Amino acid sequence: MHVVLTGSHIVFLGQGSVSGGTVDLSMDGNVIAHVQIDGHNSNVTKEDPCAAIVGGVCVADRYYSDHTEFGYPVTLPNAPGQHVFSARFTGDDKSHSSSAPDVTISASGDVSAAIDLLLND
C-alpha cells in the first residue's frame, strides 16, 4: 500500500516531541496496521518549542508536516475474489481525521504470479 498524507499534521520525532496521529490501514474491513506519523517519511515545516509543559518544565516540542509518504507491504490471499483496501488518518491535537477513498482489487484464478510481480520487487 502506498499512502500519502497532506495538509498540516503533527509529526512524532521521538522522545521530547508531541505524538501525532496514526494512519490505520485496512483490508476487507479489518485493520492490518496502525502506522505512527513520524519524521522518517515526513518533511518538517514548523516547530512549536515547549508545546508540552509539565510542572513549569518544558517536556516536549511539537513538529508539523504538510506531506508524509510511506509504503506498507501487504500479502494478498492466493485465491480468487475482491479485496477492499482503505486508509484512515486518526487526526491529532491540531488536525481533523480523514479517510482516503477505498481501493478495490479483483483477482481471479491463481494470483501467485501477480503477487510476485506486484509485491516482491
PDB file of N, CA and C in Angstrom:
ATOM      1  N   MET A   1       0.856  -1.174   0.000  1.00  0.00           N
ATOM      2  CA  MET A   1       0.000   0.000   0.000  1.00  0.00           C
ATOM      3  C   MET A   1       0.896   1.229   0.000  1.00  0.00           C
ATOM      4  N   HIS A   2       0.538   2.195  -0.792  1.00  0.00           N
ATOM      5  CA  HIS A   2       1.262   3.464  -0.854  1.00  0.00           C
ATOM      6  C   HIS A   2       0.350   4.534  -0.276  1.00  0.00           C
ATOM      7  N   VAL A   3       0.816   5.233   0.762  1.00  0.00           N
ATOM      8  CA  VAL A   3      -0.010   6.203   1.483  1.00  0.00           C
ATOM      9  C   VAL A   3       0.646   7.574   1.430  1.00  0.00           C
ATOM     10  N   VAL A   4      -0.156   8.594   1.111  1.00  0.00           N
ATOM     11  CA  VAL A   4       0.297   9.978   1.118  1.00  0.00           C
ATOM     12  C   VAL A   4      -0.679  10.774   1.979  1.00  0.00           C
ATOM     13  N   LEU A   5      -0.155  11.459   2.985  1.00  0.00           N
ATOM     14  CA  LEU A   5      -0.957  12.311   3.871  1.00  0.00           C
ATOM     15  C   LEU A   5      -0.517  13.749   3.650  1.00  0.00           C
ATOM     16  N   THR A   6      -1.451  14.605   3.255  1.00  0.00           N
ATOM     17  CA  THR A   6      -1.143  16.016   3.031  1.00  0.00           C
ATOM     18  C   THR A   6      -1.993  16.872   3.961  1.00  0.00           C
ATOM     19  N   GLY A   7      -1.684  18.146   4.010  1.00  0.00           N
ATOM     20  CA  GLY A   7      -2.344  19.049   4.948  1.00  0.00           C
ATOM     21  C   GLY A   7      -1.571  19.042   6.245  1.00  0.00           C
ATOM     22  N   SER A   8      -1.660  20.085   7.008  1.00  0.00           N
ATOM     23  CA  SER A   8      -0.885  20.211   8.238  1.00  0.00           C
ATOM     24  C   SER A   8      -1.242  19.114   9.240  1.00  0.00           C
ATOM     25  N   HIS A   9      -0.217  18.429   9.749  1.00  0.00           N
ATOM     26  CA  HIS A   9      -0.407  17.389  10.760  1.00  0.00           C
ATOM     27  C   HIS A   9       0.843  17.303  11.627  1.00  0.00           C
ATOM     28  N   ILE A  10       0.671  16.787  12.848  1.00  0.00           N
ATOM     29  CA  ILE A  10       1.774  16.670  13.805  1.00  0.00           C
ATOM     30  C   ILE A  10       2.627  15.454  13.455  1.00  0.00           C
ATOM     31  N   VAL A  11       3.935  15.633  13.571  1.00  0.00           N
ATOM     32  CA  VAL A  11       4.899  14.574  13.270  1.00  0.00           C
ATOM     33  C   VAL A  11       5.655  14.225  14.549  1.00  0.00           C
ATOM     34  N   PHE A  12       5.679  12.949  14.905  1.00  0.00           N
ATOM     35  CA  PHE A  12       6.409  12.485  16.081  1.00  0.00           C
ATOM     36  C   PHE A  12       7.884  12.319  15.725  1.00  0.00           C
ATOM     37  N   LEU A  13       8.761  12.963  16.485  1.00  0.00           N
ATOM     38  CA  LEU A  13      10.200  12.875  16.226  1.00  0.00           C
ATOM     39  C   LEU A  13      10.943  12.186  17.366  1.00  0.00           C
ATOM     40  N   GLY A  14      10.238  11.400  18.144  1.00  0.00           N
ATOM     41  CA  GLY A  14      10.885  10.668  19.229  1.00  0.00           C
ATOM     42  C   GLY A  14      10.723  11.374  20.558  1.00  0.00           C
ATOM     43  N   GLN A  15      11.456  10.861  21.550  1.00  0.00           N
ATOM     44  CA  GLN A  15      11.372  11.416  22.899  1.00  0.00           C
ATOM     45  C   GLN A  15      11.613  12.916  22.854  1.00  0.00           C
ATOM     46  N   GLY A  16      10.792  13.658  23.554  1.00  0.00           N
ATOM     47  CA  GLY A  16      10.909  15.108  23.566  1.00  0.00           C
ATOM     48  C   GLY A  16      10.054  15.781  22.509  1.00  0.00           C
ATOM     49  N   SER A  17       9.211  14.995  21.837  1.00  0.00           N
ATOM     50  CA  SER A  17       8.278  15.595  20.886  1.00  0.00           C
ATOM     51  C   SER A  17       6.865  15.059  21.137  1.00  0.00           C
ATOM     52  N   VAL A  18       5.883  15.867  20.780  1.00  0.00           N
ATOM     53  CA  VAL A  18       4.482  15.516  20.956  1.00  0.00           C
ATOM     54  C   VAL A  18       4.099  14.472  19.912  1.00  0.00           C
ATOM     55  N   SER A  19       3.345  13.458  20.326  1.00  0.00           N
ATOM     56  CA  SER A  19       2.871  12.440  19.379  1.00  0.00           C
ATOM     57  C   SER A  19       1.780  13.008  18.491  1.00  0.00           C
ATOM     58  N   GLY A  20       1.803  12.585  17.238  1.00  0.00           N
ATOM     59  CA  GLY A  20       0.750  12.946  16.297  1.00  0.00           C
ATOM     60  C   GLY A  20      -0.214  11.794  16.136  1.00  0.00           C
ATOM     61  N   GLY A  21      -0.950  11.821  15.056  1.00  0.00           N
ATOM     62  CA  GLY A  21      -1.921  10.772  14.793  1.00  0.00           C
ATOM     63  C   GLY A  21      -1.288   9.556  14.151  1.00  0.00           C
ATOM     64  N   THR A  22      -2.139   8.598  13.837  1.00  0.00           N
ATOM     65  CA  THR A  22      -1.711   7.395  13.129  1.00  0.00           C
ATOM     66  C   THR A  22      -2.548   7.253  11.863  1.00  0.00           C
ATOM     67  N   VAL A  23      -2.040   6.449  10.951  1.00  0.00           N
ATOM     68  CA  VAL A  23      -2.823   6.039   9.793  1.00  0.00           C
ATOM     69  C   VAL A  23      -3.180   4.580  10.021  1.00  0.00           C
ATOM     70  N   ASP A  24      -4.466   4.282  10.009  1.00  0.00           N
ATOM     71  CA  ASP A  24      -4.949   2.911  10.145  1.00  0.00           C
ATOM     72  C   ASP A  24      -5.182   2.365   8.742  1.00  0.00           C
ATOM     73  N   LEU A  25      -4.498   1.264   8.422  1.00  0.00           N
ATOM     74  CA  LEU A  25      -4.641   0.615   7.125  1.00  0.00           C
ATOM     75  C   LEU A  25      -5.519  -0.616   7.290  1.00  0.00           C
ATOM     76  N   SER A  26      -6.473  -0.795   6.376  1.00  0.00           N
ATOM     77  CA  SER A  26      -7.412  -1.916   6.465  1.00  0.00           C
ATOM     78  C   SER A  26      -7.477  -2.672   5.150  1.00  0.00           C
ATOM     79  N   MET A  27      -7.723  -3.981   5.276  1.00  0.00           N
ATOM     80  CA  MET A  27      -8.004  -4.824   4.124  1.00  0.00           C
ATOM     81  C   MET A  27      -9.280  -5.584   4.445  1.00  0.00           C
ATOM     82  N   ASP A  28     -10.257  -5.469   3.561  1.00  0.00           N
ATOM     83  CA  ASP A  28     -11.544  -6.147   3.719  1.00  0.00           C
ATOM     84  C   ASP A  28     -12.206  -5.821   5.053  1.00  0.00           C
ATOM     85  N   GLY A  29     -12.076  -4.576   5.493  1.00  0.00           N
ATOM     86  CA  GLY A  29     -12.721  -4.115   6.713  1.00  0.00           C
ATOM     87  C   GLY A  29     -11.975  -4.417   7.998  1.00  0.00           C
ATOM     88  N   ASN A  30     -10.834  -5.092   7.901  1.00  0.00           N
ATOM     89  CA  ASN A  30     -10.053  -5.433   9.092  1.00  0.00           C
ATOM     90  C   ASN A  30      -8.785  -4.593   9.135  1.00  0.00           C
ATOM     91  N   VAL A  31      -8.537  -3.925  10.250  1.00  0.00           N
ATOM     92  CA  VAL A  31      -7.323  -3.121  10.395  1.00  0.00           C
ATOM     93  C   VAL A  31      -6.120  -4.057  10.407  1.00  0.00           C
ATOM     94  N   ILE A  32      -5.169  -3.785   9.502  1.00  0.00           N
ATOM     95  CA  ILE A  32      -3.969  -4.615   9.415  1.00  0.00           C
ATOM     96  C   ILE A  32      -2.730  -3.890   9.929  1.00  0.00           C
ATOM     97  N   ALA A  33      -2.824  -2.554  10.137  1.00  0.00           N
ATOM     98  CA  ALA A  33      -1.671  -1.808  10.654  1.00  0.00           C
ATOM     99  C   ALA A  33      -2.106  -0.463  11.200  1.00  0.00           C
ATOM    100  N   HIS A  34      -1.438  -0.028  12.265  1.00  0.00           N
ATOM    101  CA  HIS A  34      -1.540   1.324  12.811  1.00  0.00           C
ATOM    102  C   HIS A  34      -0.154   1.931  12.618  1.00  0.00           C
ATOM    103  N   VAL A  35      -0.023   2.892  11.718  1.00  0.00           N
ATOM    104  CA  VAL A  35       1.283   3.477  11.403  1.00  0.00           C
ATOM    105  C   VAL A  35       1.381   4.863  12.030  1.00  0.00           C
ATOM    106  N   GLN A  36       2.346   5.050  12.939  1.00  0.00           N
ATOM    107  CA  GLN A  36       2.574   6.344  13.595  1.00  0.00           C
ATOM    108  C   GLN A  36       3.169   7.324  12.581  1.00  0.00           C
ATOM    109  N   ILE A  37       2.602   8.520  12.511  1.00  0.00           N
ATOM    110  CA  ILE A  37       3.166   9.554  11.647  1.00  0.00           C
ATOM    111  C   ILE A  37       4.424  10.069  12.343  1.00  0.00           C
ATOM    112  N   ASP A  38       5.563   9.867  11.695  1.00  0.00           N
ATOM    113  CA  ASP A  38       6.819  10.291  12.314  1.00  0.00           C
ATOM    114  C   ASP A  38       7.742  10.933  11.292  1.00  0.00           C
ATOM    115  N   GLY A  39       8.920  11.283  11.724  1.00  0.00           N
ATOM    116  CA  GLY A  39       9.857  12.021  10.894  1.00  0.00           C
ATOM    117  C   GLY A  39      10.563  11.219   9.825  1.00  0.00           C
ATOM    118  N   HIS A  40      10.405   9.893   9.822  1.00  0.00           N
ATOM    119  CA  HIS A  40      11.109   9.090   8.825  1.00  0.00           C
ATOM    120  C   HIS A  40      10.637   9.355   7.404  1.00  0.00           C
ATOM    121  N   ASN A  41       9.356   9.627   7.229  1.00  0.00           N
ATOM    122  CA  ASN A  41       8.801   9.811   5.887  1.00  0.00           C
ATOM    123  C   ASN A  41       8.023  11.117   5.752  1.00  0.00           C
ATOM    124  N   SER A  42       8.390  12.110   6.565  1.00  0.00           N
ATOM    125  CA  SER A  42       7.683  13.387   6.571  1.00  0.00           C
ATOM    126  C   SER A  42       8.679  14.534   6.429  1.00  0.00           C
ATOM    127  N   ASN A  43       8.212  15.605   5.824  1.00  0.00           N
ATOM    128  CA  ASN A  43       9.008  16.823   5.860  1.00  0.00           C
ATOM    129  C   ASN A  43       8.523  17.658   7.049  1.00  0.00           C
ATOM    130  N   VAL A  44       9.432  18.266   7.773  1.00  0.00           N
ATOM    131  CA  VAL A  44       9.057  19.099   8.922  1.00  0.00           C
ATOM    132  C   VAL A  44       8.994  20.538   8.442  1.00  0.00           C
ATOM    133  N   THR A  45       7.819  21.163   8.619  1.00  0.00           N
ATOM    134  CA  THR A  45       7.610  22.517   8.120  1.00  0.00           C
ATOM    135  C   THR A  45       7.570  23.577   9.220  1.00  0.00           C
ATOM    136  N   LYS A  46       7.347  23.148  10.471  1.00  0.00           N
ATOM    137  CA  LYS A  46       7.169  24.114  11.554  1.00  0.00           C
ATOM    138  C   LYS A  46       7.457  23.440  12.881  1.00  0.00           C
ATOM    139  N   GLU A  47       7.934  24.228  13.853  1.00  0.00           N
ATOM    140  CA  GLU A  47       8.179  23.724  15.201  1.00  0.00           C
ATOM    141  C   GLU A  47       7.544  24.662  16.214  1.00  0.00           C
ATOM    142  N   ASP A  48       6.853  24.084  17.201  1.00  0.00           N
ATOM    143  CA  ASP A  48       6.346  24.833  18.355  1.00  0.00           C
ATOM    144  C   ASP A  48       7.188  24.414  19.555  1.00  0.00           C
ATOM    145  N   PRO A  49       8.193  25.241  19.940  1.00  0.00           N
ATOM    146  CA  PRO A  49       9.012  24.875  21.103  1.00  0.00           C
ATOM    147  C   PRO A  49       8.169  24.861  22.375  1.00  0.00           C
ATOM    148  N   CYS A  50       8.472  23.936  23.242  1.00  0.00           N
ATOM    149  CA  CYS A  50       7.802  23.811  24.545  1.00  0.00           C
ATOM    150  C   CYS A  50       6.278  23.759  24.415  1.00  0.00           C
ATOM    151  N   ALA A  51       5.804  22.913  23.524  1.00  0.00           N
ATOM    152  CA  ALA A  51       4.362  22.760  23.325  1.00  0.00           C
ATOM    153  C   ALA A  51       3.722  21.990  24.477  1.00  0.00           C
ATOM    154  N   ALA A  52       4.524  21.208  25.195  1.00  0.00           N
ATOM    155  CA  ALA A  52       4.008  20.469  26.352  1.00  0.00           C
ATOM    156  C   ALA A  52       4.845  20.855  27.575  1.00  0.00           C
ATOM    157  N   ILE A  53       4.177  21.430  28.561  1.00  0.00           N
ATOM    158  CA  ILE A  53       4.842  21.874  29.786  1.00  0.00           C
ATOM    159  C   ILE A  53       4.186  21.164  30.964  1.00  0.00           C
ATOM    160  N   VAL A  54       5.001  20.536  31.796  1.00  0.00           N
ATOM    161  CA  VAL A  54       4.506  19.828  32.977  1.00  0.00           C
ATOM    162  C   VAL A  54       5.226  20.388  34.193  1.00  0.00           C
ATOM    163  N   GLY A  55       4.468  20.901  35.145  1.00  0.00           N
ATOM    164  CA  GLY A  55       5.061  21.461  36.358  1.00  0.00           C
ATOM    165  C   GLY A  55       6.017  22.604  36.067  1.00  0.00           C
ATOM    166  N   GLY A  56       5.701  23.376  35.042  1.00  0.00           N
ATOM    167  CA  GLY A  56       6.542  24.505  34.673  1.00  0.00           C
ATOM    168  C   GLY A  56       7.802  24.136  33.898  1.00  0.00           C
ATOM    169  N   VAL A  57       7.937  22.854  33.545  1.00  0.00           N
ATOM    170  CA  VAL A  57       9.121  22.387  32.819  1.00  0.00           C
ATOM    171  C   VAL A  57       8.712  21.959  31.409  1.00  0.00           C
ATOM    172  N   CYS A  58       9.465  22.416  30.422  1.00  0.00           N
ATOM    173  CA  CYS A  58       9.227  22.022  29.036  1.00  0.00           C
ATOM    174  C   CYS A  58       9.596  20.546  28.875  1.00  0.00           C
ATOM    175  N   VAL A  59       8.620  19.737  28.431  1.00  0.00           N
ATOM    176  CA  VAL A  59       8.890  18.308  28.257  1.00  0.00           C
ATOM    177  C   VAL A  59       8.838  17.857  26.800  1.00  0.00           C
ATOM    178  N   ALA A  60       8.246  18.688  25.917  1.00  0.00           N
ATOM    179  CA  ALA A  60       8.170  18.266  24.515  1.00  0.00           C
ATOM    180  C   ALA A  60       7.898  19.446  23.587  1.00  0.00           C
ATOM    181  N   ASP A  61       8.498  19.357  22.406  1.00  0.00           N
ATOM    182  CA  ASP A  61       8.218  20.292  21.322  1.00  0.00           C
ATOM    183  C   ASP A  61       7.189  19.642  20.396  1.00  0.00           C
ATOM    184  N   ARG A  62       6.512  20.462  19.590  1.00  0.00           N
ATOM    185  CA  ARG A  62       5.558  19.943  18.608  1.00  0.00           C
ATOM    186  C   ARG A  62       6.088  20.286  17.227  1.00  0.00           C
ATOM    187  N   TYR A  63       6.087  19.289  16.340  1.00  0.00           N
ATOM    188  CA  TYR A  63       6.566  19.471  14.977  1.00  0.00           C
ATOM    189  C   TYR A  63       5.425  19.191  13.999  1.00  0.00           C
ATOM    190  N   TYR A  64       5.399  19.937  12.891  1.00  0.00           N
ATOM    191  CA  TYR A  64       4.355  19.796  11.889  1.00  0.00           C
ATOM    192  C   TYR A  64       4.949  19.428  10.537  1.00  0.00           C
ATOM    193  N   SER A  65       4.129  18.779   9.734  1.00  0.00           N
ATOM    194  CA  SER A  65       4.471  18.457   8.353  1.00  0.00           C
ATOM    195  C   SER A  65       3.259  18.769   7.489  1.00  0.00           C
ATOM    196  N   ASP A  66       3.493  18.932   6.190  1.00  0.00           N
ATOM    197  CA  ASP A  66       2.386  19.053   5.249  1.00  0.00           C
ATOM    198  C   ASP A  66       2.427  17.935   4.208  1.00  0.00           C
ATOM    199  N   HIS A  67       3.378  16.988   4.403  1.00  0.00           N
ATOM    200  CA  HIS A  67       3.491  15.868   3.463  1.00  0.00           C
ATOM    201  C   HIS A  67       4.188  14.686   4.145  1.00  0.00           C
ATOM    202  N   THR A  68       3.455  13.609   4.295  1.00  0.00           N
ATOM    203  CA  THR A  68       4.006  12.350   4.804  1.00  0.00           C
ATOM    204  C   THR A  68       3.699  11.284   3.771  1.00  0.00           C
ATOM    205  N   GLU A  69       4.691  10.452   3.458  1.00  0.00           N
ATOM    206  CA  GLU A  69       4.510   9.426   2.433  1.00  0.00           C
ATOM    207  C   GLU A  69       5.236   8.155   2.860  1.00  0.00           C
ATOM    208  N   PHE A  70       4.548   7.023   2.779  1.00  0.00           N
ATOM    209  CA  PHE A  70       5.184   5.759   3.138  1.00  0.00           C
ATOM    210  C   PHE A  70       4.500   4.603   2.410  1.00  0.00           C
ATOM    211  N   GLY A  71       5.204   3.480   2.359  1.00  0.00           N
ATOM    212  CA  GLY A  71       4.657   2.252   1.798  1.00  0.00           C
ATOM    213  C   GLY A  71       4.509   1.224   2.904  1.00  0.00           C
ATOM    214  N   TYR A  72       3.536   0.345   2.745  1.00  0.00           N
ATOM    215  CA  TYR A  72       3.321  -0.733   3.699  1.00  0.00           C
ATOM    216  C   TYR A  72       3.061  -2.017   2.910  1.00  0.00           C
ATOM    217  N   PRO A  73       3.875  -3.066   3.130  1.00  0.00           N
ATOM    218  CA  PRO A  73       3.690  -4.303   2.354  1.00  0.00           C
ATOM    219  C   PRO A  73       2.451  -5.072   2.792  1.00  0.00           C
ATOM    220  N   VAL A  74       1.721  -5.590   1.817  1.00  0.00           N
ATOM    221  CA  VAL A  74       0.520  -6.377   2.084  1.00  0.00           C
ATOM    222  C   VAL A  74       0.590  -7.647   1.242  1.00  0.00           C
ATOM    223  N   THR A  75       0.314  -8.764   1.852  1.00  0.00           N
ATOM    224  CA  THR A  75       0.252 -10.036   1.128  1.00  0.00           C
ATOM    225  C   THR A  75      -1.206 -10.383   0.882  1.00  0.00           C
ATOM    226  N   LEU A  76      -1.550 -10.573  -0.380  1.00  0.00           N
ATOM    227  CA  LEU A  76      -2.918 -10.951  -0.734  1.00  0.00           C
ATOM    228  C   LEU A  76      -3.106 -12.450  -0.598  1.00  0.00           C
ATOM    229  N   PRO A  77      -4.304 -12.878  -0.226  1.00  0.00           N
ATOM    230  CA  PRO A  77      -4.585 -14.316  -0.213  1.00  0.00           C
ATOM    231  C   PRO A  77      -4.449 -14.882  -1.629  1.00  0.00           C
ATOM    232  N   ASN A  78      -3.957 -16.114  -1.746  1.00  0.00           N
ATOM    233  CA  ASN A  78      -3.781 -16.753  -3.047  1.00  0.00           C
ATOM    234  C   ASN A  78      -5.080 -17.445  -3.445  1.00  0.00           C
ATOM    235  N   ALA A  79      -6.109 -16.642  -3.669  1.00  0.00           N
ATOM    236  CA  ALA A  79      -7.426 -17.159  -4.026  1.00  0.00           C
ATOM    237  C   ALA A  79      -8.176 -16.088  -4.809  1.00  0.00           C
ATOM    238  N   PRO A  80      -9.096 -16.510  -5.666  1.00  0.00           N
ATOM    239  CA  PRO A  80      -9.874 -15.521  -6.411  1.00  0.00           C
ATOM    240  C   PRO A  80     -10.784 -14.732  -5.478  1.00  0.00           C
ATOM    241  N   GLY A  81     -11.079 -13.499  -5.877  1.00  0.00           N
ATOM    242  CA  GLY A  81     -12.004 -12.679  -5.103  1.00  0.00           C
ATOM    243  C   GLY A  81     -11.623 -11.215  -5.141  1.00  0.00           C
ATOM    244  N   GLN A  82     -12.442 -10.408  -4.523  1.00  0.00           N
ATOM    245  CA  GLN A  82     -12.189  -8.975  -4.433  1.00  0.00           C
ATOM    246  C   GLN A  82     -11.665  -8.643  -3.046  1.00  0.00           C
ATOM    247  N   HIS A  83     -10.793  -7.661  -3.002  1.00  0.00           N
ATOM    248  CA  HIS A  83     -10.254  -7.180  -1.736  1.00  0.00           C
ATOM    249  C   HIS A  83     -10.352  -5.660  -1.723  1.00  0.00           C
ATOM    250  N   VAL A  84     -10.833  -5.134  -0.612  1.00  0.00           N
ATOM    251  CA  VAL A  84     -11.025  -3.697  -0.470  1.00  0.00           C
ATOM    252  C   VAL A  84     -10.003  -3.173   0.532  1.00  0.00           C
ATOM    253  N   PHE A  85      -9.242  -2.161   0.096  1.00  0.00           N
ATOM    254  CA  PHE A  85      -8.216  -1.540   0.929  1.00  0.00           C
ATOM    255  C   PHE A  85      -8.640  -0.128   1.289  1.00  0.00           C
ATOM    256  N   SER A  86      -8.342   0.273   2.524  1.00  0.00           N
ATOM    257  CA  SER A  86      -8.668   1.627   2.954  1.00  0.00           C
ATOM    258  C   SER A  86      -7.594   2.161   3.896  1.00  0.00           C
ATOM    259  N   ALA A  87      -7.544   3.486   3.989  1.00  0.00           N
ATOM    260  CA  ALA A  87      -6.609   4.162   4.894  1.00  0.00           C
ATOM    261  C   ALA A  87      -7.350   5.302   5.573  1.00  0.00           C
ATOM    262  N   ARG A  88      -7.124   5.437   6.892  1.00  0.00           N
ATOM    263  CA  ARG A  88      -7.784   6.495   7.662  1.00  0.00           C
ATOM    264  C   ARG A  88      -6.778   7.130   8.598  1.00  0.00           C
ATOM    265  N   PHE A  89      -6.646   8.455   8.508  1.00  0.00           N
ATOM    266  CA  PHE A  89      -5.818   9.222   9.440  1.00  0.00           C
ATOM    267  C   PHE A  89      -6.666   9.514  10.662  1.00  0.00           C
ATOM    268  N   THR A  90      -6.157   9.169  11.851  1.00  0.00           N
ATOM    269  CA  THR A  90      -6.940   9.314  13.075  1.00  0.00           C
ATOM    270  C   THR A  90      -7.089  10.755  13.532  1.00  0.00           C
ATOM    271  N   GLY A  91      -6.237  11.648  12.995  1.00  0.00           N
ATOM    272  CA  GLY A  91      -6.234  13.028  13.457  1.00  0.00           C
ATOM    273  C   GLY A  91      -5.288  13.189  14.629  1.00  0.00           C
ATOM    274  N   ASP A  92      -5.107  14.429  15.072  1.00  0.00           N
ATOM    275  CA  ASP A  92      -4.240  14.723  16.211  1.00  0.00           C
ATOM    276  C   ASP A  92      -4.742  15.984  16.898  1.00  0.00           C
ATOM    277  N   ASP A  93      -3.967  16.519  17.834  1.00  0.00           N
ATOM    278  CA  ASP A  93      -4.399  17.699  18.601  1.00  0.00           C
ATOM    279  C   ASP A  93      -4.735  18.895  17.720  1.00  0.00           C
ATOM    280  N   LYS A  94      -4.123  18.987  16.555  1.00  0.00           N
ATOM    281  CA  LYS A  94      -4.281  20.155  15.690  1.00  0.00           C
ATOM    282  C   LYS A  94      -4.903  19.848  14.336  1.00  0.00           C
ATOM    283  N   SER A  95      -5.221  18.577  14.048  1.00  0.00           N
ATOM    284  CA  SER A  95      -5.713  18.184  12.727  1.00  0.00           C
ATOM    285  C   SER A  95      -6.935  17.280  12.845  1.00  0.00           C
ATOM    286  N   HIS A  96      -7.850  17.434  11.909  1.00  0.00           N
ATOM    287  CA  HIS A  96      -9.025  16.568  11.845  1.00  0.00           C
ATOM    288  C   HIS A  96      -8.645  15.216  11.260  1.00  0.00           C
ATOM    289  N   SER A  97      -9.455  14.216  11.528  1.00  0.00           N
ATOM    290  CA  SER A  97      -9.250  12.909  10.901  1.00  0.00           C
ATOM    291  C   SER A  97      -9.692  12.993   9.433  1.00  0.00           C
ATOM    292  N   SER A  98      -9.224  12.041   8.641  1.00  0.00           N
ATOM    293  CA  SER A  98      -9.626  11.980   7.243  1.00  0.00           C
ATOM    294  C   SER A  98      -9.486  10.546   6.749  1.00  0.00           C
ATOM    295  N   SER A  99     -10.174  10.256   5.645  1.00  0.00           N
ATOM    296  CA  SER A  99     -10.117   8.923   5.055  1.00  0.00           C
ATOM    297  C   SER A  99      -9.872   9.047   3.564  1.00  0.00           C
ATOM    298  N   ALA A 100      -9.106   8.097   3.035  1.00  0.00           N
ATOM    299  CA  ALA A 100      -8.911   8.012   1.589  1.00  0.00           C
ATOM    300  C   ALA A 100     -10.054   7.197   0.997  1.00  0.00           C
ATOM    301  N   PRO A 101     -10.365   7.420  -0.275  1.00  0.00           N
ATOM    302  CA  PRO A 101     -11.369   6.562  -0.916  1.00  0.00           C
ATOM    303  C   PRO A 101     -10.888   5.107  -0.926  1.00  0.00           C
ATOM    304  N   ASP A 102     -11.813   4.161  -0.754  1.00  0.00           N
ATOM    305  CA  ASP A 102     -11.461   2.746  -0.802  1.00  0.00           C
ATOM    306  C   ASP A 102     -10.922   2.382  -2.182  1.00  0.00           C
ATOM    307  N   VAL A 103     -10.025   1.394  -2.204  1.00  0.00           N
ATOM    308  CA  VAL A 103      -9.495   0.844  -3.451  1.00  0.00           C
ATOM    309  C   VAL A 103      -9.836  -0.637  -3.464  1.00  0.00           C
ATOM    310  N   THR A 104     -10.475  -1.091  -4.545  1.00  0.00           N
ATOM    311  CA  THR A 104     -10.855  -2.493  -4.679  1.00  0.00           C
ATOM    312  C   THR A 104      -9.984  -3.161  -5.733  1.00  0.00           C
ATOM    313  N   ILE A 105      -9.433  -4.317  -5.376  1.00  0.00           N
ATOM    314  CA  ILE A 105      -8.626  -5.118  -6.293  1.00  0.00           C
ATOM    315  C   ILE A 105      -9.366  -6.428  -6.524  1.00  0.00           C
ATOM    316  N   SER A 106      -9.537  -6.804  -7.795  1.00  0.00           N
ATOM    317  CA  SER A 106     -10.182  -8.072  -8.139  1.00  0.00           C
ATOM    318  C   SER A 106      -9.129  -9.047  -8.636  1.00  0.00           C
ATOM    319  N   ALA A 107      -9.168 -10.260  -8.114  1.00  0.00           N
ATOM    320  CA  ALA A 107      -8.242 -11.306  -8.542  1.00  0.00           C
ATOM    321  C   ALA A 107      -9.055 -12.521  -8.952  1.00  0.00           C
ATOM    322  N   SER A 108      -8.602 -13.192 -10.022  1.00  0.00           N
ATOM    323  CA  SER A 108      -9.298 -14.411 -10.438  1.00  0.00           C
ATOM    324  C   SER A 108      -8.269 -15.503 -10.691  1.00  0.00           C
ATOM    325  N   GLY A 109      -8.600 -16.718 -10.302  1.00  0.00           N
ATOM    326  CA  GLY A 109      -7.684 -17.832 -10.511  1.00  0.00           C
ATOM    327  C   GLY A 109      -6.499 -17.754  -9.579  1.00  0.00           C
ATOM    328  N   ASP A 110      -5.384 -18.366 -10.000  1.00  0.00           N
ATOM    329  CA  ASP A 110      -4.159 -18.381  -9.218  1.00  0.00           C
ATOM    330  C   ASP A 110      -3.477 -17.023  -9.341  1.00  0.00           C
ATOM    331  N   VAL A 111      -3.380 -16.278  -8.258  1.00  0.00           N
ATOM    332  CA  VAL A 111      -2.803 -14.943  -8.311  1.00  0.00           C
ATOM    333  C   VAL A 111      -1.355 -14.903  -7.841  1.00  0.00           C
ATOM    334  N   SER A 112      -0.725 -16.059  -7.638  1.00  0.00           N
ATOM    335  CA  SER A 112       0.636 -16.053  -7.110  1.00  0.00           C
ATOM    336  C   SER A 112       1.614 -15.321  -8.027  1.00  0.00           C
ATOM    337  N   ALA A 113       1.485 -15.458  -9.341  1.00  0.00           N
ATOM    338  CA  ALA A 113       2.389 -14.745 -10.253  1.00  0.00           C
ATOM    339  C   ALA A 113       2.179 -13.249 -10.160  1.00  0.00           C
ATOM    340  N   ALA A 114       0.922 -12.829 -10.086  1.00  0.00           N
ATOM    341  CA  ALA A 114       0.629 -11.398  -9.979  1.00  0.00           C
ATOM    342  C   ALA A 114       1.158 -10.859  -8.654  1.00  0.00           C
ATOM    343  N   ILE A 115       1.019 -11.633  -7.592  1.00  0.00           N
ATOM    344  CA  ILE A 115       1.525 -11.197  -6.295  1.00  0.00           C
ATOM    345  C   ILE A 115       3.040 -11.058  -6.356  1.00  0.00           C
ATOM    346  N   ASP A 116       3.732 -12.029  -6.934  1.00  0.00           N
ATOM    347  CA  ASP A 116       5.178 -11.939  -7.057  1.00  0.00           C
ATOM    348  C   ASP A 116       5.592 -10.713  -7.867  1.00  0.00           C
ATOM    349  N   LEU A 117       4.906 -10.457  -8.956  1.00  0.00           N
ATOM    350  CA  LEU A 117       5.238  -9.347  -9.825  1.00  0.00           C
ATOM    351  C   LEU A 117       5.003  -8.008  -9.141  1.00  0.00           C
ATOM    352  N   LEU A 118       3.878  -7.871  -8.455  1.00  0.00           N
ATOM    353  CA  LEU A 118       3.494  -6.588  -7.888  1.00  0.00           C
ATOM    354  C   LEU A 118       4.092  -6.306  -6.516  1.00  0.00           C
ATOM    355  N   LEU A 119       4.334  -7.325  -5.725  1.00  0.00           N
ATOM    356  CA  LEU A 119       4.700  -7.078  -4.335  1.00  0.00           C
ATOM    357  C   LEU A 119       6.133  -7.451  -3.980  1.00  0.00           C
ATOM    358  N   ASN A 120       6.775  -8.287  -4.746  1.00  0.00           N
ATOM    359  CA  ASN A 120       8.117  -8.738  -4.394  1.00  0.00           C
ATOM    360  C   ASN A 120       9.164  -8.101  -5.290  1.00  0.00           C
ATOM    361  N   ASP A 121       9.116  -6.811  -5.446  1.00  0.00           N
ATOM    362  CA  ASP A 121      10.050  -6.089  -6.304  1.00  0.00           C
ATOM    363  C   ASP A 121      11.490  -6.386  -5.959  1.00  0.00           C
TER     364      ASP A 121
END
